[in-house]
C-alpha atoms as a PDB file:
ATOM      1  CA  MET A   1       0.000   0.000   0.000  1.00  0.00           C
ATOM      2  CA  ARG A   2       1.400   3.363  -0.956  1.00  0.00           C
ATOM      3  CA  CYS A   3       1.423   6.329   1.394  1.00  0.00           C
ATOM      4  CA  LEU A   4      -0.856   9.243   0.411  1.00  0.00           C
ATOM      5  CA  SER A   5       2.035  11.713   0.428  1.00  0.00           C
ATOM      6  CA  PHE A   6       3.760   9.819  -2.407  1.00  0.00           C
ATOM      7  CA  MET A   7       0.691   9.638  -4.626  1.00  0.00           C
ATOM      8  CA  THR A   8       0.163  12.116  -7.380  1.00  0.00           C
ATOM      9  CA  GLY A   9      -2.555  12.913  -9.867  1.00  0.00           C
ATOM     10  CA  PRO A  10      -5.973  11.287  -9.973  1.00  0.00           C
ATOM     11  CA  GLU A  11      -4.834   8.346  -7.834  1.00  0.00           C
ATOM     12  CA  ARG A  12      -4.355  10.631  -4.836  1.00  0.00           C
ATOM     13  CA  GLY A  13      -7.681  12.361  -5.438  1.00  0.00           C
ATOM     14  CA  ASN A  14      -9.641   9.109  -5.306  1.00  0.00           C
ATOM     15  CA  ASN A  15      -8.055   7.971  -2.073  1.00  0.00           C
ATOM     16  CA  HIS A  16      -8.496  11.416  -0.538  1.00  0.00           C
ATOM     17  CA  ALA A  17     -12.195  11.401  -1.478  1.00  0.00           C
ATOM     18  CA  ASN A  18     -12.607   7.886  -0.063  1.00  0.00           C
ATOM     19  CA  LEU A  19     -10.837   8.879   3.144  1.00  0.00           C
ATOM     20  CA  THR A  20     -13.006  11.981   3.499  1.00  0.00           C
ATOM     21  CA  GLN A  21     -16.176   9.957   2.894  1.00  0.00           C
ATOM     22  CA  SER A  22     -15.076   7.310   5.411  1.00  0.00           C
ATOM     23  CA  PHE A  23     -14.334   9.971   8.015  1.00  0.00           C
ATOM     24  CA  SER A  24     -17.705  11.628   7.421  1.00  0.00           C
ATOM     25  CA  THR A  25     -19.500   8.307   7.757  1.00  0.00           C
ATOM     26  CA  LEU A  26     -17.632   7.544  10.986  1.00  0.00           C
ATOM     27  CA  LEU A  27     -18.428  10.994  12.384  1.00  0.00           C
ATOM     28  CA  ILE A  28     -22.140  10.618  11.585  1.00  0.00           C
ATOM     29  CA  ALA A  29     -22.237   7.122  13.110  1.00  0.00           C
ATOM     30  CA  CYS A  30     -20.545   8.296  16.322  1.00  0.00           C
ATOM     31  CA  SER A  31     -22.862  11.292  16.591  1.00  0.00           C
ATOM     32  CA  LEU A  32     -25.917   9.104  16.100  1.00  0.00           C
ATOM     33  CA  ALA A  33     -24.662   6.622  18.713  1.00  0.00           C
ATOM     34  CA  ALA A  34     -24.107   9.455  21.215  1.00  0.00           C
ATOM     35  CA  ILE A  35     -27.599  10.861  20.638  1.00  0.00           C
ATOM     36  CA  LEU A  36     -29.275   7.460  20.941  1.00  0.00           C
ATOM     37  CA  GLY A  37     -27.171   6.675  23.999  1.00  0.00           C
ATOM     38  CA  SER A  38     -28.366   9.796  25.764  1.00  0.00           C
ATOM     39  CA  PHE A  39     -31.981   8.831  25.041  1.00  0.00           C
ATOM     40  CA  GLY A  40     -31.332   5.383  26.469  1.00  0.00           C
ATOM     41  CA  CYS A  41     -29.906   6.809  29.688  1.00  0.00           C
ATOM     42  CA  ASN A  42     -32.961   8.997  30.194  1.00  0.00           C
ATOM     43  CA  THR A  43     -35.246   6.028  29.577  1.00  0.00           C
ATOM     44  CA  VAL A  44     -33.431   3.787  32.071  1.00  0.00           C
ATOM     45  CA  HIS A  45     -33.346   6.612  34.631  1.00  0.00           C
ATOM     46  CA  GLY A  46     -37.091   7.171  34.239  1.00  0.00           C
ATOM     47  CA  MET A  47     -37.778   3.465  34.533  1.00  0.00           C
ATOM     48  CA  GLY A  48     -35.741   3.373  37.757  1.00  0.00           C
ATOM     49  CA  GLN A  49     -37.816   6.214  39.182  1.00  0.00           C
ATOM     50  CA  ASP A  50     -41.049   4.407  38.272  1.00  0.00           C
ATOM     51  CA  ILE A  51     -39.860   1.200  39.956  1.00  0.00           C
ATOM     52  CA  GLU A  52     -38.823   3.180  43.035  1.00  0.00           C
ATOM     53  CA  ARG A  53     -42.289   4.790  43.267  1.00  0.00           C
ATOM     54  CA  ALA A  54     -43.974   1.391  42.896  1.00  0.00           C
ATOM     55  CA  GLY A  55     -41.814   0.046  45.731  1.00  0.00           C
ATOM     56  CA  GLU A  56     -42.739   2.998  47.936  1.00  0.00           C
ATOM     57  CA  LYS A  57     -46.456   2.421  47.260  1.00  0.00           C
ATOM     58  CA  THR A  58     -46.075  -1.275  48.082  1.00  0.00           C
ATOM     59  CA  GLU A  59     -44.266  -0.400  51.300  1.00  0.00           C
ATOM     60  CA  ASP A  60     -47.000   2.099  52.235  1.00  0.00           C
ATOM     61  CA  ALA A  61     -49.665  -0.531  51.621  1.00  0.00           C
ATOM     62  CA  ALA A  62     -47.796  -3.070  53.768  1.00  0.00           C
ATOM     63  CA  ASP A  63     -47.489  -0.490  56.586  1.00  0.00           C
ATOM     64  CA  ALA A  64     -51.236   0.184  56.380  1.00  0.00           C
ATOM     65  CA  VAL A  65     -51.975  -3.535  56.725  1.00  0.00           C
ATOM     66  CA  LYS A  66     -49.645  -3.766  59.752  1.00  0.00           C
ATOM     67  CA  ARG A  67     -51.444  -0.885  61.469  1.00  0.00           C
ATOM     68  CA  ARG A  68     -54.789  -2.633  61.022  1.00  0.00           C
ATOM     69  CA  LEU A  69     -53.557  -5.830  62.683  1.00  0.00           C
END
């Protein structure tokens, strides 16, 4: 494989275009992964809060039953 700095003419242009396209694709993929990852964190955090509230309600109900006994 030849180094880009030694290439001249149209051969260098093609590789440069391919490299630029590959970099752009990688940048878009990483950006998309970061955005989707942040949505996932918010979803998991919200689910954790919902589970915590359900546990609190269950605990309150159990306390109410204890008081009646």
